[in-house]
Amino acid sequence: MTNANSKDVTFNDILQYEIIKKTYQNIITKLNSRNLKSLKEGLRELLNFVRDIKNNILDKRLRRMIQYQQKLAKRLLLIINIRYVIFFIYKVLVNTLVSRLYESIRTLLEEVSNVIRY
């Protein structure tokens, strides 16, 4: 890329822009997918791409934008990867509470039954 202070756009800049644009369009397509595998693939592709181009960008504003994209993509991957743990904990909690409620109802009915007998 050209110097951030320079207003001269070279042919190389145009080619780099087209490559970046095409890559981002491909990533956006994967991110819009309802398929979780495709979403994760798009996030990984974005992280790899951002990592590769981040050091070549001279403009601080663009660099911050890319770092923000990187941060969001990492968070998304983390949430996607821990969703099974969250779901497992959810199921354990629900099953435990349902069991306790069941036992409580059963105990109450036994007590009511004992009171009625006497």
PDB file of N, CA and C in Angstrom:
ATOM      1  N   MET A   1       0.845  -1.177   0.000  1.00  0.00           N
ATOM      2  CA  MET A   1       0.000   0.000   0.000  1.00  0.00           C
ATOM      3  C   MET A   1       0.888   1.238   0.000  1.00  0.00           C
ATOM      4  N   THR A   2       0.339   2.309  -0.465  1.00  0.00           N
ATOM      5  CA  THR A   2       1.111   3.546  -0.520  1.00  0.00           C
ATOM      6  C   THR A   2       1.176   4.174   0.848  1.00  0.00           C
ATOM      7  N   ASN A   3       2.068   5.117   0.967  1.00  0.00           N
ATOM      8  CA  ASN A   3       2.217   5.860   2.202  1.00  0.00           C
ATOM      9  C   ASN A   3       0.890   6.531   2.527  1.00  0.00           C
ATOM     10  N   ALA A   4       0.531   6.576   3.814  1.00  0.00           N
ATOM     11  CA  ALA A   4      -0.748   7.155   4.225  1.00  0.00           C
ATOM     12  C   ALA A   4      -0.819   8.636   3.892  1.00  0.00           C
ATOM     13  N   ASN A   5       0.324   9.313   3.822  1.00  0.00           N
ATOM     14  CA  ASN A   5       0.339  10.738   3.513  1.00  0.00           C
ATOM     15  C   ASN A   5       0.259  11.000   2.017  1.00  0.00           C
ATOM     16  N   SER A   6       0.590  10.014   1.222  1.00  0.00           N
ATOM     17  CA  SER A   6       0.636  10.182  -0.226  1.00  0.00           C
ATOM     18  C   SER A   6      -0.760  10.055  -0.820  1.00  0.00           C
ATOM     19  N   LYS A   7      -1.046  10.880  -1.814  1.00  0.00           N
ATOM     20  CA  LYS A   7      -2.333  10.823  -2.511  1.00  0.00           C
ATOM     21  C   LYS A   7      -2.197  10.102  -3.842  1.00  0.00           C
ATOM     22  N   ASP A   8      -1.002   9.646  -4.186  1.00  0.00           N
ATOM     23  CA  ASP A   8      -0.765   8.954  -5.442  1.00  0.00           C
ATOM     24  C   ASP A   8      -1.192   7.497  -5.305  1.00  0.00           C
ATOM     25  N   VAL A   9      -2.052   7.065  -6.193  1.00  0.00           N
ATOM     26  CA  VAL A   9      -2.508   5.686  -6.197  1.00  0.00           C
ATOM     27  C   VAL A   9      -1.816   4.980  -7.348  1.00  0.00           C
ATOM     28  N   THR A  10      -1.151   3.893  -7.024  1.00  0.00           N
ATOM     29  CA  THR A  10      -0.425   3.146  -8.042  1.00  0.00           C
ATOM     30  C   THR A  10      -1.266   1.964  -8.524  1.00  0.00           C
ATOM     31  N   PHE A  11      -0.823   1.371  -9.616  1.00  0.00           N
ATOM     32  CA  PHE A  11      -1.479   0.181 -10.147  1.00  0.00           C
ATOM     33  C   PHE A  11      -1.433  -0.944  -9.116  1.00  0.00           C
ATOM     34  N   ASN A  12      -0.328  -1.041  -8.401  1.00  0.00           N
ATOM     35  CA  ASN A  12      -0.171  -2.047  -7.357  1.00  0.00           C
ATOM     36  C   ASN A  12      -1.221  -1.853  -6.257  1.00  0.00           C
ATOM     37  N   ASP A  13      -1.501  -0.586  -5.916  1.00  0.00           N
ATOM     38  CA  ASP A  13      -2.526  -0.295  -4.914  1.00  0.00           C
ATOM     39  C   ASP A  13      -3.895  -0.782  -5.380  1.00  0.00           C
ATOM     40  N   ILE A  14      -4.187  -0.566  -6.647  1.00  0.00           N
ATOM     41  CA  ILE A  14      -5.471  -0.996  -7.202  1.00  0.00           C
ATOM     42  C   ILE A  14      -5.580  -2.517  -7.167  1.00  0.00           C
ATOM     43  N   LEU A  15      -4.515  -3.196  -7.534  1.00  0.00           N
ATOM     44  CA  LEU A  15      -4.513  -4.663  -7.495  1.00  0.00           C
ATOM     45  C   LEU A  15      -4.694  -5.168  -6.068  1.00  0.00           C
ATOM     46  N   GLN A  16      -3.982  -4.559  -5.127  1.00  0.00           N
ATOM     47  CA  GLN A  16      -4.111  -4.963  -3.729  1.00  0.00           C
ATOM     48  C   GLN A  16      -5.533  -4.727  -3.221  1.00  0.00           C
ATOM     49  N   TYR A  17      -6.109  -3.585  -3.611  1.00  0.00           N
ATOM     50  CA  TYR A  17      -7.485  -3.288  -3.208  1.00  0.00           C
ATOM     51  C   TYR A  17      -8.443  -4.344  -3.751  1.00  0.00           C
ATOM     52  N   GLU A  18      -8.269  -4.724  -5.009  1.00  0.00           N
ATOM     53  CA  GLU A  18      -9.148  -5.729  -5.616  1.00  0.00           C
ATOM     54  C   GLU A  18      -9.010  -7.074  -4.909  1.00  0.00           C
ATOM     55  N   ILE A  19      -7.793  -7.428  -4.546  1.00  0.00           N
ATOM     56  CA  ILE A  19      -7.570  -8.685  -3.821  1.00  0.00           C
ATOM     57  C   ILE A  19      -8.244  -8.631  -2.456  1.00  0.00           C
ATOM     58  N   ILE A  20      -8.056  -7.519  -1.757  1.00  0.00           N
ATOM     59  CA  ILE A  20      -8.664  -7.355  -0.433  1.00  0.00           C
ATOM     60  C   ILE A  20     -10.191  -7.388  -0.544  1.00  0.00           C
ATOM     61  N   LYS A  21     -10.728  -6.691  -1.522  1.00  0.00           N
ATOM     62  CA  LYS A  21     -12.178  -6.636  -1.719  1.00  0.00           C
ATOM     63  C   LYS A  21     -12.742  -8.027  -1.994  1.00  0.00           C
ATOM     64  N   LYS A  22     -12.093  -8.752  -2.879  1.00  0.00           N
ATOM     65  CA  LYS A  22     -12.554 -10.096  -3.237  1.00  0.00           C
ATOM     66  C   LYS A  22     -12.483 -11.034  -2.028  1.00  0.00           C
ATOM     67  N   THR A  23     -11.412 -10.923  -1.262  1.00  0.00           N
ATOM     68  CA  THR A  23     -11.257 -11.766  -0.078  1.00  0.00           C
ATOM     69  C   THR A  23     -12.348 -11.464   0.942  1.00  0.00           C
ATOM     70  N   TYR A  24     -12.591 -10.186   1.190  1.00  0.00           N
ATOM     71  CA  TYR A  24     -13.641  -9.809   2.137  1.00  0.00           C
ATOM     72  C   TYR A  24     -15.027 -10.242   1.649  1.00  0.00           C
ATOM     73  N   GLN A  25     -15.284 -10.162   0.348  1.00  0.00           N
ATOM     74  CA  GLN A  25     -16.573 -10.618  -0.184  1.00  0.00           C
ATOM     75  C   GLN A  25     -16.751 -12.113   0.055  1.00  0.00           C
ATOM     76  N   ASN A  26     -15.684 -12.869  -0.134  1.00  0.00           N
ATOM     77  CA  ASN A  26     -15.720 -14.308   0.115  1.00  0.00           C
ATOM     78  C   ASN A  26     -15.982 -14.584   1.596  1.00  0.00           C
ATOM     79  N   ILE A  27     -15.317 -13.837   2.460  1.00  0.00           N
ATOM     80  CA  ILE A  27     -15.492 -14.014   3.904  1.00  0.00           C
ATOM     81  C   ILE A  27     -16.921 -13.656   4.308  1.00  0.00           C
ATOM     82  N   ILE A  28     -17.459 -12.566   3.774  1.00  0.00           N
ATOM     83  CA  ILE A  28     -18.826 -12.143   4.098  1.00  0.00           C
ATOM     84  C   ILE A  28     -19.830 -13.216   3.697  1.00  0.00           C
ATOM     85  N   THR A  29     -19.619 -13.839   2.552  1.00  0.00           N
ATOM     86  CA  THR A  29     -20.501 -14.920   2.114  1.00  0.00           C
ATOM     87  C   THR A  29     -20.502 -16.049   3.135  1.00  0.00           C
ATOM     88  N   LYS A  30     -19.331 -16.410   3.625  1.00  0.00           N
ATOM     89  CA  LYS A  30     -19.239 -17.476   4.623  1.00  0.00           C
ATOM     90  C   LYS A  30     -19.849 -17.049   5.956  1.00  0.00           C
ATOM     91  N   LEU A  31     -19.675 -15.790   6.334  1.00  0.00           N
ATOM     92  CA  LEU A  31     -20.238 -15.309   7.598  1.00  0.00           C
ATOM     93  C   LEU A  31     -21.764 -15.252   7.552  1.00  0.00           C
ATOM     94  N   ASN A  32     -22.332 -15.046   6.374  1.00  0.00           N
ATOM     95  CA  ASN A  32     -23.790 -15.001   6.230  1.00  0.00           C
ATOM     96  C   ASN A  32     -24.417 -16.384   6.167  1.00  0.00           C
ATOM     97  N   SER A  33     -23.598 -17.404   6.100  1.00  0.00           N
ATOM     98  CA  SER A  33     -24.097 -18.766   5.997  1.00  0.00           C
ATOM     99  C   SER A  33     -24.741 -19.198   7.315  1.00  0.00           C
ATOM    100  N   ARG A  34     -25.784 -19.996   7.212  1.00  0.00           N
ATOM    101  CA  ARG A  34     -26.429 -20.571   8.398  1.00  0.00           C
ATOM    102  C   ARG A  34     -25.678 -21.817   8.866  1.00  0.00           C
ATOM    103  N   ASN A  35     -24.785 -22.287   8.027  1.00  0.00           N
ATOM    104  CA  ASN A  35     -24.001 -23.473   8.339  1.00  0.00           C
ATOM    105  C   ASN A  35     -22.881 -23.085   9.304  1.00  0.00           C
ATOM    106  N   LEU A  36     -22.851 -23.715  10.460  1.00  0.00           N
ATOM    107  CA  LEU A  36     -21.869 -23.383  11.486  1.00  0.00           C
ATOM    108  C   LEU A  36     -20.442 -23.662  11.019  1.00  0.00           C
ATOM    109  N   LYS A  37     -20.265 -24.731  10.275  1.00  0.00           N
ATOM    110  CA  LYS A  37     -18.932 -25.064   9.763  1.00  0.00           C
ATOM    111  C   LYS A  37     -18.434 -23.967   8.822  1.00  0.00           C
ATOM    112  N   SER A  38     -19.305 -23.486   7.974  1.00  0.00           N
ATOM    113  CA  SER A  38     -18.944 -22.415   7.044  1.00  0.00           C
ATOM    114  C   SER A  38     -18.655 -21.117   7.795  1.00  0.00           C
ATOM    115  N   LEU A  39     -19.424 -20.837   8.836  1.00  0.00           N
ATOM    116  CA  LEU A  39     -19.191 -19.647   9.655  1.00  0.00           C
ATOM    117  C   LEU A  39     -17.817 -19.705  10.319  1.00  0.00           C
ATOM    118  N   LYS A  40     -17.502 -20.850  10.912  1.00  0.00           N
ATOM    119  CA  LYS A  40     -16.186 -20.998  11.550  1.00  0.00           C
ATOM    120  C   LYS A  40     -15.066 -20.883  10.520  1.00  0.00           C
ATOM    121  N   GLU A  41     -15.276 -21.461   9.357  1.00  0.00           N
ATOM    122  CA  GLU A  41     -14.285 -21.367   8.279  1.00  0.00           C
ATOM    123  C   GLU A  41     -14.075 -19.909   7.872  1.00  0.00           C
ATOM    124  N   GLY A  42     -15.170 -19.164   7.757  1.00  0.00           N
ATOM    125  CA  GLY A  42     -15.079 -17.745   7.416  1.00  0.00           C
ATOM    126  C   GLY A  42     -14.344 -16.944   8.484  1.00  0.00           C
ATOM    127  N   LEU A  43     -14.613 -17.244   9.752  1.00  0.00           N
ATOM    128  CA  LEU A  43     -13.926 -16.547  10.844  1.00  0.00           C
ATOM    129  C   LEU A  43     -12.429 -16.845  10.839  1.00  0.00           C
ATOM    130  N   ARG A  44     -12.088 -18.113  10.632  1.00  0.00           N
ATOM    131  CA  ARG A  44     -10.660 -18.476  10.578  1.00  0.00           C
ATOM    132  C   ARG A  44      -9.976 -17.817   9.379  1.00  0.00           C
ATOM    133  N   GLU A  45     -10.674 -17.807   8.254  1.00  0.00           N
ATOM    134  CA  GLU A  45     -10.124 -17.170   7.057  1.00  0.00           C
ATOM    135  C   GLU A  45      -9.905 -15.676   7.307  1.00  0.00           C
ATOM    136  N   LEU A  46     -10.867 -15.035   7.958  1.00  0.00           N
ATOM    137  CA  LEU A  46     -10.735 -13.615   8.286  1.00  0.00           C
ATOM    138  C   LEU A  46      -9.542 -13.385   9.208  1.00  0.00           C
ATOM    139  N   LEU A  47      -9.409 -14.213  10.236  1.00  0.00           N
ATOM    140  CA  LEU A  47      -8.288 -14.047  11.169  1.00  0.00           C
ATOM    141  C   LEU A  47      -6.945 -14.234  10.470  1.00  0.00           C
ATOM    142  N   ASN A  48      -6.851 -15.223   9.611  1.00  0.00           N
ATOM    143  CA  ASN A  48      -5.600 -15.439   8.873  1.00  0.00           C
ATOM    144  C   ASN A  48      -5.306 -14.277   7.930  1.00  0.00           C
ATOM    145  N   PHE A  49      -6.323 -13.814   7.237  1.00  0.00           N
ATOM    146  CA  PHE A  49      -6.147 -12.713   6.294  1.00  0.00           C
ATOM    147  C   PHE A  49      -5.741 -11.439   7.018  1.00  0.00           C
ATOM    148  N   VAL A  50      -6.433 -11.142   8.101  1.00  0.00           N
ATOM    149  CA  VAL A  50      -6.137  -9.931   8.876  1.00  0.00           C
ATOM    150  C   VAL A  50      -4.722  -9.992   9.445  1.00  0.00           C
ATOM    151  N   ARG A  51      -4.348 -11.161   9.922  1.00  0.00           N
ATOM    152  CA  ARG A  51      -2.996 -11.316  10.471  1.00  0.00           C
ATOM    153  C   ARG A  51      -1.942 -11.057   9.390  1.00  0.00           C
ATOM    154  N   ASP A  52      -2.226 -11.510   8.188  1.00  0.00           N
ATOM    155  CA  ASP A  52      -1.271 -11.335   7.094  1.00  0.00           C
ATOM    156  C   ASP A  52      -1.150  -9.887   6.629  1.00  0.00           C
ATOM    157  N   ILE A  53      -2.256  -9.152   6.617  1.00  0.00           N
ATOM    158  CA  ILE A  53      -2.197  -7.792   6.068  1.00  0.00           C
ATOM    159  C   ILE A  53      -1.996  -6.708   7.120  1.00  0.00           C
ATOM    160  N   LYS A  54      -2.197  -7.052   8.381  1.00  0.00           N
ATOM    161  CA  LYS A  54      -2.168  -6.031   9.434  1.00  0.00           C
ATOM    162  C   LYS A  54      -0.849  -5.271   9.478  1.00  0.00           C
ATOM    163  N   ASN A  55       0.237  -5.948   9.315  1.00  0.00           N
ATOM    164  CA  ASN A  55       1.550  -5.305   9.406  1.00  0.00           C
ATOM    165  C   ASN A  55       1.890  -4.457   8.184  1.00  0.00           C
ATOM    166  N   ASN A  56       1.190  -4.653   7.093  1.00  0.00           N
ATOM    167  CA  ASN A  56       1.464  -3.888   5.875  1.00  0.00           C
ATOM    168  C   ASN A  56       0.651  -2.605   5.768  1.00  0.00           C
ATOM    169  N   ILE A  57      -0.257  -2.402   6.700  1.00  0.00           N
ATOM    170  CA  ILE A  57      -1.113  -1.216   6.637  1.00  0.00           C
ATOM    171  C   ILE A  57      -0.468  -0.093   7.431  1.00  0.00           C
ATOM    172  N   LEU A  58      -0.285   1.035   6.766  1.00  0.00           N
ATOM    173  CA  LEU A  58       0.373   2.180   7.395  1.00  0.00           C
ATOM    174  C   LEU A  58      -0.614   3.120   8.071  1.00  0.00           C
ATOM    175  N   ASP A  59      -1.827   3.192   7.566  1.00  0.00           N
ATOM    176  CA  ASP A  59      -2.824   4.102   8.115  1.00  0.00           C
ATOM    177  C   ASP A  59      -3.322   3.573   9.464  1.00  0.00           C
ATOM    178  N   LYS A  60      -3.205   4.389  10.506  1.00  0.00           N
ATOM    179  CA  LYS A  60      -3.564   3.952  11.858  1.00  0.00           C
ATOM    180  C   LYS A  60      -5.060   3.672  11.994  1.00  0.00           C
ATOM    181  N   ARG A  61      -5.868   4.451  11.314  1.00  0.00           N
ATOM    182  CA  ARG A  61      -7.315   4.254  11.382  1.00  0.00           C
ATOM    183  C   ARG A  61      -7.698   2.893  10.793  1.00  0.00           C
ATOM    184  N   LEU A  62      -7.123   2.565   9.652  1.00  0.00           N
ATOM    185  CA  LEU A  62      -7.390   1.262   9.034  1.00  0.00           C
ATOM    186  C   LEU A  62      -6.860   0.122   9.896  1.00  0.00           C
ATOM    187  N   ARG A  63      -5.710   0.341  10.495  1.00  0.00           N
ATOM    188  CA  ARG A  63      -5.131  -0.687  11.362  1.00  0.00           C
ATOM    189  C   ARG A  63      -6.043  -0.945  12.566  1.00  0.00           C
ATOM    190  N   ARG A  64      -6.590   0.128  13.162  1.00  0.00           N
ATOM    191  CA  ARG A  64      -7.508  -0.035  14.297  1.00  0.00           C
ATOM    192  C   ARG A  64      -8.770  -0.786  13.870  1.00  0.00           C
ATOM    193  N   MET A  65      -9.255  -0.474  12.687  1.00  0.00           N
ATOM    194  CA  MET A  65     -10.445  -1.167  12.182  1.00  0.00           C
ATOM    195  C   MET A  65     -10.176  -2.659  12.011  1.00  0.00           C
ATOM    196  N   ILE A  66      -9.018  -2.973  11.498  1.00  0.00           N
ATOM    197  CA  ILE A  66      -8.655  -4.375  11.302  1.00  0.00           C
ATOM    198  C   ILE A  66      -8.456  -5.071  12.643  1.00  0.00           C
ATOM    199  N   GLN A  67      -7.848  -4.393  13.595  1.00  0.00           N
ATOM    200  CA  GLN A  67      -7.682  -4.973  14.927  1.00  0.00           C
ATOM    201  C   GLN A  67      -9.039  -5.229  15.582  1.00  0.00           C
ATOM    202  N   TYR A  68      -9.978  -4.321  15.355  1.00  0.00           N
ATOM    203  CA  TYR A  68     -11.331  -4.502  15.888  1.00  0.00           C
ATOM    204  C   TYR A  68     -12.002  -5.722  15.248  1.00  0.00           C
ATOM    205  N   GLN A  69     -11.831  -5.885  13.937  1.00  0.00           N
ATOM    206  CA  GLN A  69     -12.372  -7.062  13.253  1.00  0.00           C
ATOM    207  C   GLN A  69     -11.766  -8.334  13.833  1.00  0.00           C
ATOM    208  N   GLN A  70     -10.472  -8.288  14.067  1.00  0.00           N
ATOM    209  CA  GLN A  70      -9.771  -9.438  14.622  1.00  0.00           C
ATOM    210  C   GLN A  70     -10.318  -9.775  16.013  1.00  0.00           C
ATOM    211  N   LYS A  71     -10.533  -8.767  16.825  1.00  0.00           N
ATOM    212  CA  LYS A  71     -11.058  -8.960  18.177  1.00  0.00           C
ATOM    213  C   LYS A  71     -12.454  -9.586  18.135  1.00  0.00           C
ATOM    214  N   LEU A  72     -13.320  -9.062  17.269  1.00  0.00           N
ATOM    215  CA  LEU A  72     -14.675  -9.606  17.151  1.00  0.00           C
ATOM    216  C   LEU A  72     -14.665 -11.047  16.648  1.00  0.00           C
ATOM    217  N   ALA A  73     -13.832 -11.328  15.666  1.00  0.00           N
ATOM    218  CA  ALA A  73     -13.758 -12.686  15.113  1.00  0.00           C
ATOM    219  C   ALA A  73     -13.270 -13.676  16.167  1.00  0.00           C
ATOM    220  N   LYS A  74     -12.297 -13.270  16.967  1.00  0.00           N
ATOM    221  CA  LYS A  74     -11.804 -14.149  18.035  1.00  0.00           C
ATOM    222  C   LYS A  74     -12.890 -14.418  19.072  1.00  0.00           C
ATOM    223  N   ARG A  75     -13.647 -13.389  19.423  1.00  0.00           N
ATOM    224  CA  ARG A  75     -14.741 -13.568  20.384  1.00  0.00           C
ATOM    225  C   ARG A  75     -15.799 -14.517  19.836  1.00  0.00           C
ATOM    226  N   LEU A  76     -16.147 -14.335  18.576  1.00  0.00           N
ATOM    227  CA  LEU A  76     -17.139 -15.219  17.960  1.00  0.00           C
ATOM    228  C   LEU A  76     -16.673 -16.671  17.960  1.00  0.00           C
ATOM    229  N   LEU A  77     -15.427 -16.891  17.589  1.00  0.00           N
ATOM    230  CA  LEU A  77     -14.898 -18.259  17.595  1.00  0.00           C
ATOM    231  C   LEU A  77     -14.912 -18.847  18.997  1.00  0.00           C
ATOM    232  N   LEU A  78     -14.561 -18.052  19.987  1.00  0.00           N
ATOM    233  CA  LEU A  78     -14.571 -18.530  21.369  1.00  0.00           C
ATOM    234  C   LEU A  78     -15.979 -18.940  21.780  1.00  0.00           C
ATOM    235  N   ILE A  79     -16.952 -18.099  21.490  1.00  0.00           N
ATOM    236  CA  ILE A  79     -18.333 -18.407  21.864  1.00  0.00           C
ATOM    237  C   ILE A  79     -18.828 -19.650  21.135  1.00  0.00           C
ATOM    238  N   ILE A  80     -18.508 -19.751  19.863  1.00  0.00           N
ATOM    239  CA  ILE A  80     -18.921 -20.932  19.097  1.00  0.00           C
ATOM    240  C   ILE A  80     -18.270 -22.181  19.675  1.00  0.00           C
ATOM    241  N   ASN A  81     -17.001 -22.088  20.040  1.00  0.00           N
ATOM    242  CA  ASN A  81     -16.297 -23.260  20.545  1.00  0.00           C
ATOM    243  C   ASN A  81     -16.735 -23.662  21.950  1.00  0.00           C
ATOM    244  N   ILE A  82     -17.210 -22.715  22.760  1.00  0.00           N
ATOM    245  CA  ILE A  82     -17.623 -23.089  24.118  1.00  0.00           C
ATOM    246  C   ILE A  82     -19.129 -23.314  24.225  1.00  0.00           C
ATOM    247  N   ARG A  83     -19.843 -23.217  23.131  1.00  0.00           N
ATOM    248  CA  ARG A  83     -21.292 -23.391  23.190  1.00  0.00           C
ATOM    249  C   ARG A  83     -21.663 -24.775  23.698  1.00  0.00           C
ATOM    250  N   TYR A  84     -20.870 -25.789  23.403  1.00  0.00           N
ATOM    251  CA  TYR A  84     -21.161 -27.129  23.889  1.00  0.00           C
ATOM    252  C   TYR A  84     -21.025 -27.185  25.405  1.00  0.00           C
ATOM    253  N   VAL A  85     -20.025 -26.522  25.936  1.00  0.00           N
ATOM    254  CA  VAL A  85     -19.842 -26.482  27.388  1.00  0.00           C
ATOM    255  C   VAL A  85     -21.029 -25.771  28.028  1.00  0.00           C
ATOM    256  N   ILE A  86     -21.415 -24.643  27.445  1.00  0.00           N
ATOM    257  CA  ILE A  86     -22.560 -23.894  27.962  1.00  0.00           C
ATOM    258  C   ILE A  86     -23.827 -24.751  27.890  1.00  0.00           C
ATOM    259  N   PHE A  87     -24.030 -25.423  26.780  1.00  0.00           N
ATOM    260  CA  PHE A  87     -25.212 -26.267  26.619  1.00  0.00           C
ATOM    261  C   PHE A  87     -25.190 -27.425  27.606  1.00  0.00           C
ATOM    262  N   PHE A  88     -24.023 -28.029  27.836  1.00  0.00           N
ATOM    263  CA  PHE A  88     -23.895 -29.128  28.793  1.00  0.00           C
ATOM    264  C   PHE A  88     -24.245 -28.648  30.196  1.00  0.00           C
ATOM    265  N   ILE A  89     -23.708 -27.502  30.594  1.00  0.00           N
ATOM    266  CA  ILE A  89     -24.005 -26.949  31.920  1.00  0.00           C
ATOM    267  C   ILE A  89     -25.498 -26.654  32.037  1.00  0.00           C
ATOM    268  N   TYR A  90     -26.071 -26.100  30.987  1.00  0.00           N
ATOM    269  CA  TYR A  90     -27.507 -25.815  30.961  1.00  0.00           C
ATOM    270  C   TYR A  90     -28.311 -27.096  31.186  1.00  0.00           C
ATOM    271  N   LYS A  91     -27.977 -28.149  30.453  1.00  0.00           N
ATOM    272  CA  LYS A  91     -28.711 -29.408  30.581  1.00  0.00           C
ATOM    273  C   LYS A  91     -28.572 -29.990  31.976  1.00  0.00           C
ATOM    274  N   VAL A  92     -27.364 -29.940  32.542  1.00  0.00           N
ATOM    275  CA  VAL A  92     -27.149 -30.465  33.889  1.00  0.00           C
ATOM    276  C   VAL A  92     -27.984 -29.682  34.897  1.00  0.00           C
ATOM    277  N   LEU A  93     -27.965 -28.353  34.787  1.00  0.00           N
ATOM    278  CA  LEU A  93     -28.743 -27.527  35.714  1.00  0.00           C
ATOM    279  C   LEU A  93     -30.238 -27.798  35.586  1.00  0.00           C
ATOM    280  N   VAL A  94     -30.731 -27.863  34.372  1.00  0.00           N
ATOM    281  CA  VAL A  94     -32.161 -28.120  34.163  1.00  0.00           C
ATOM    282  C   VAL A  94     -32.537 -29.497  34.696  1.00  0.00           C
ATOM    283  N   ASN A  95     -31.752 -30.508  34.399  1.00  0.00           N
ATOM    284  CA  ASN A  95     -32.053 -31.859  34.880  1.00  0.00           C
ATOM    285  C   ASN A  95     -32.022 -31.929  36.402  1.00  0.00           C
ATOM    286  N   THR A  96     -31.051 -31.264  37.009  1.00  0.00           N
ATOM    287  CA  THR A  96     -30.948 -31.249  38.467  1.00  0.00           C
ATOM    288  C   THR A  96     -32.162 -30.566  39.086  1.00  0.00           C
ATOM    289  N   LEU A  97     -32.535 -29.420  38.542  1.00  0.00           N
ATOM    290  CA  LEU A  97     -33.688 -28.696  39.085  1.00  0.00           C
ATOM    291  C   LEU A  97     -34.995 -29.455  38.871  1.00  0.00           C
ATOM    292  N   VAL A  98     -35.149 -30.092  37.735  1.00  0.00           N
ATOM    293  CA  VAL A  98     -36.349 -30.894  37.482  1.00  0.00           C
ATOM    294  C   VAL A  98     -36.402 -32.063  38.460  1.00  0.00           C
ATOM    295  N   SER A  99     -35.282 -32.709  38.708  1.00  0.00           N
ATOM    296  CA  SER A  99     -35.239 -33.821  39.663  1.00  0.00           C
ATOM    297  C   SER A  99     -35.601 -33.348  41.066  1.00  0.00           C
ATOM    298  N   ARG A 100     -35.054 -32.222  41.467  1.00  0.00           N
ATOM    299  CA  ARG A 100     -35.370 -31.680  42.794  1.00  0.00           C
ATOM    300  C   ARG A 100     -36.850 -31.320  42.901  1.00  0.00           C
ATOM    301  N   LEU A 101     -37.393 -30.717  41.865  1.00  0.00           N
ATOM    302  CA  LEU A 101     -38.806 -30.361  41.859  1.00  0.00           C
ATOM    303  C   LEU A 101     -39.671 -31.615  41.916  1.00  0.00           C
ATOM    304  N   TYR A 102     -39.299 -32.618  41.167  1.00  0.00           N
ATOM    305  CA  TYR A 102     -40.019 -33.886  41.172  1.00  0.00           C
ATOM    306  C   TYR A 102     -40.015 -34.488  42.574  1.00  0.00           C
ATOM    307  N   GLU A 103     -38.857 -34.535  43.202  1.00  0.00           N
ATOM    308  CA  GLU A 103     -38.742 -35.074  44.562  1.00  0.00           C
ATOM    309  C   GLU A 103     -39.551 -34.248  45.554  1.00  0.00           C
ATOM    310  N   SER A 104     -39.525 -32.940  45.388  1.00  0.00           N
ATOM    311  CA  SER A 104     -40.283 -32.060  46.276  1.00  0.00           C
ATOM    312  C   SER A 104     -41.784 -32.304  46.140  1.00  0.00           C
ATOM    313  N   ILE A 105     -42.257 -32.453  44.922  1.00  0.00           N
ATOM    314  CA  ILE A 105     -43.678 -32.729  44.689  1.00  0.00           C
ATOM    315  C   ILE A 105     -44.050 -34.087  45.267  1.00  0.00           C
ATOM    316  N   ARG A 106     -43.206 -35.059  45.038  1.00  0.00           N
ATOM    317  CA  ARG A 106     -43.457 -36.413  45.554  1.00  0.00           C
ATOM    318  C   ARG A 106     -43.509 -36.405  47.076  1.00  0.00           C
ATOM    319  N   THR A 107     -42.581 -35.696  47.701  1.00  0.00           N
ATOM    320  CA  THR A 107     -42.543 -35.593  49.158  1.00  0.00           C
ATOM    321  C   THR A 107     -43.794 -34.892  49.683  1.00  0.00           C
ATOM    322  N   LEU A 108     -44.192 -33.812  49.025  1.00  0.00           N
ATOM    323  CA  LEU A 108     -45.395 -33.088  49.430  1.00  0.00           C
ATOM    324  C   LEU A 108     -46.624 -33.984  49.348  1.00  0.00           C
ATOM    325  N   LEU A 109     -46.744 -34.726  48.254  1.00  0.00           N
ATOM    326  CA  LEU A 109     -47.891 -35.617  48.100  1.00  0.00           C
ATOM    327  C   LEU A 109     -47.895 -36.710  49.164  1.00  0.00           C
ATOM    328  N   GLU A 110     -46.743 -37.222  49.517  1.00  0.00           N
ATOM    329  CA  GLU A 110     -46.656 -38.225  50.583  1.00  0.00           C
ATOM    330  C   GLU A 110     -47.086 -37.632  51.919  1.00  0.00           C
ATOM    331  N   GLU A 111     -46.647 -36.408  52.198  1.00  0.00           N
ATOM    332  CA  GLU A 111     -47.016 -35.748  53.449  1.00  0.00           C
ATOM    333  C   GLU A 111     -48.518 -35.486  53.499  1.00  0.00           C
ATOM    334  N   VAL A 112     -49.066 -35.001  52.396  1.00  0.00           N
ATOM    335  CA  VAL A 112     -50.514 -34.756  52.343  1.00  0.00           C
ATOM    336  C   VAL A 112     -51.266 -36.065  52.519  1.00  0.00           C
ATOM    337  N   SER A 113     -50.786 -37.118  51.905  1.00  0.00           N
ATOM    338  CA  SER A 113     -51.408 -38.429  52.032  1.00  0.00           C
ATOM    339  C   SER A 113     -51.367 -38.899  53.478  1.00  0.00           C
ATOM    340  N   ASN A 114     -50.255 -38.695  54.160  1.00  0.00           N
ATOM    341  CA  ASN A 114     -50.124 -39.098  55.564  1.00  0.00           C
ATOM    342  C   ASN A 114     -51.064 -38.286  56.455  1.00  0.00           C
ATOM    343  N   VAL A 115     -51.204 -37.001  56.176  1.00  0.00           N
ATOM    344  CA  VAL A 115     -52.077 -36.143  56.977  1.00  0.00           C
ATOM    345  C   VAL A 115     -53.535 -36.559  56.792  1.00  0.00           C
ATOM    346  N   ILE A 116     -53.917 -36.901  55.592  1.00  0.00           N
ATOM    347  CA  ILE A 116     -55.302 -37.282  55.303  1.00  0.00           C
ATOM    348  C   ILE A 116     -55.639 -38.616  55.956  1.00  0.00           C
ATOM    349  N   ARG A 117     -54.707 -39.524  56.044  1.00  0.00           N
ATOM    350  CA  ARG A 117     -54.931 -40.842  56.647  1.00  0.00           C
ATOM    351  C   ARG A 117     -55.231 -40.712  58.135  1.00  0.00           C
ATOM    352  N   TYR A 118     -54.637 -39.760  58.784  1.00  0.00           N
ATOM    353  CA  TYR A 118     -54.785 -39.649  60.238  1.00  0.00           C
ATOM    354  C   TYR A 118     -55.882 -38.776  60.606  1.00  0.00           C
TER     355      TYR A 118
END
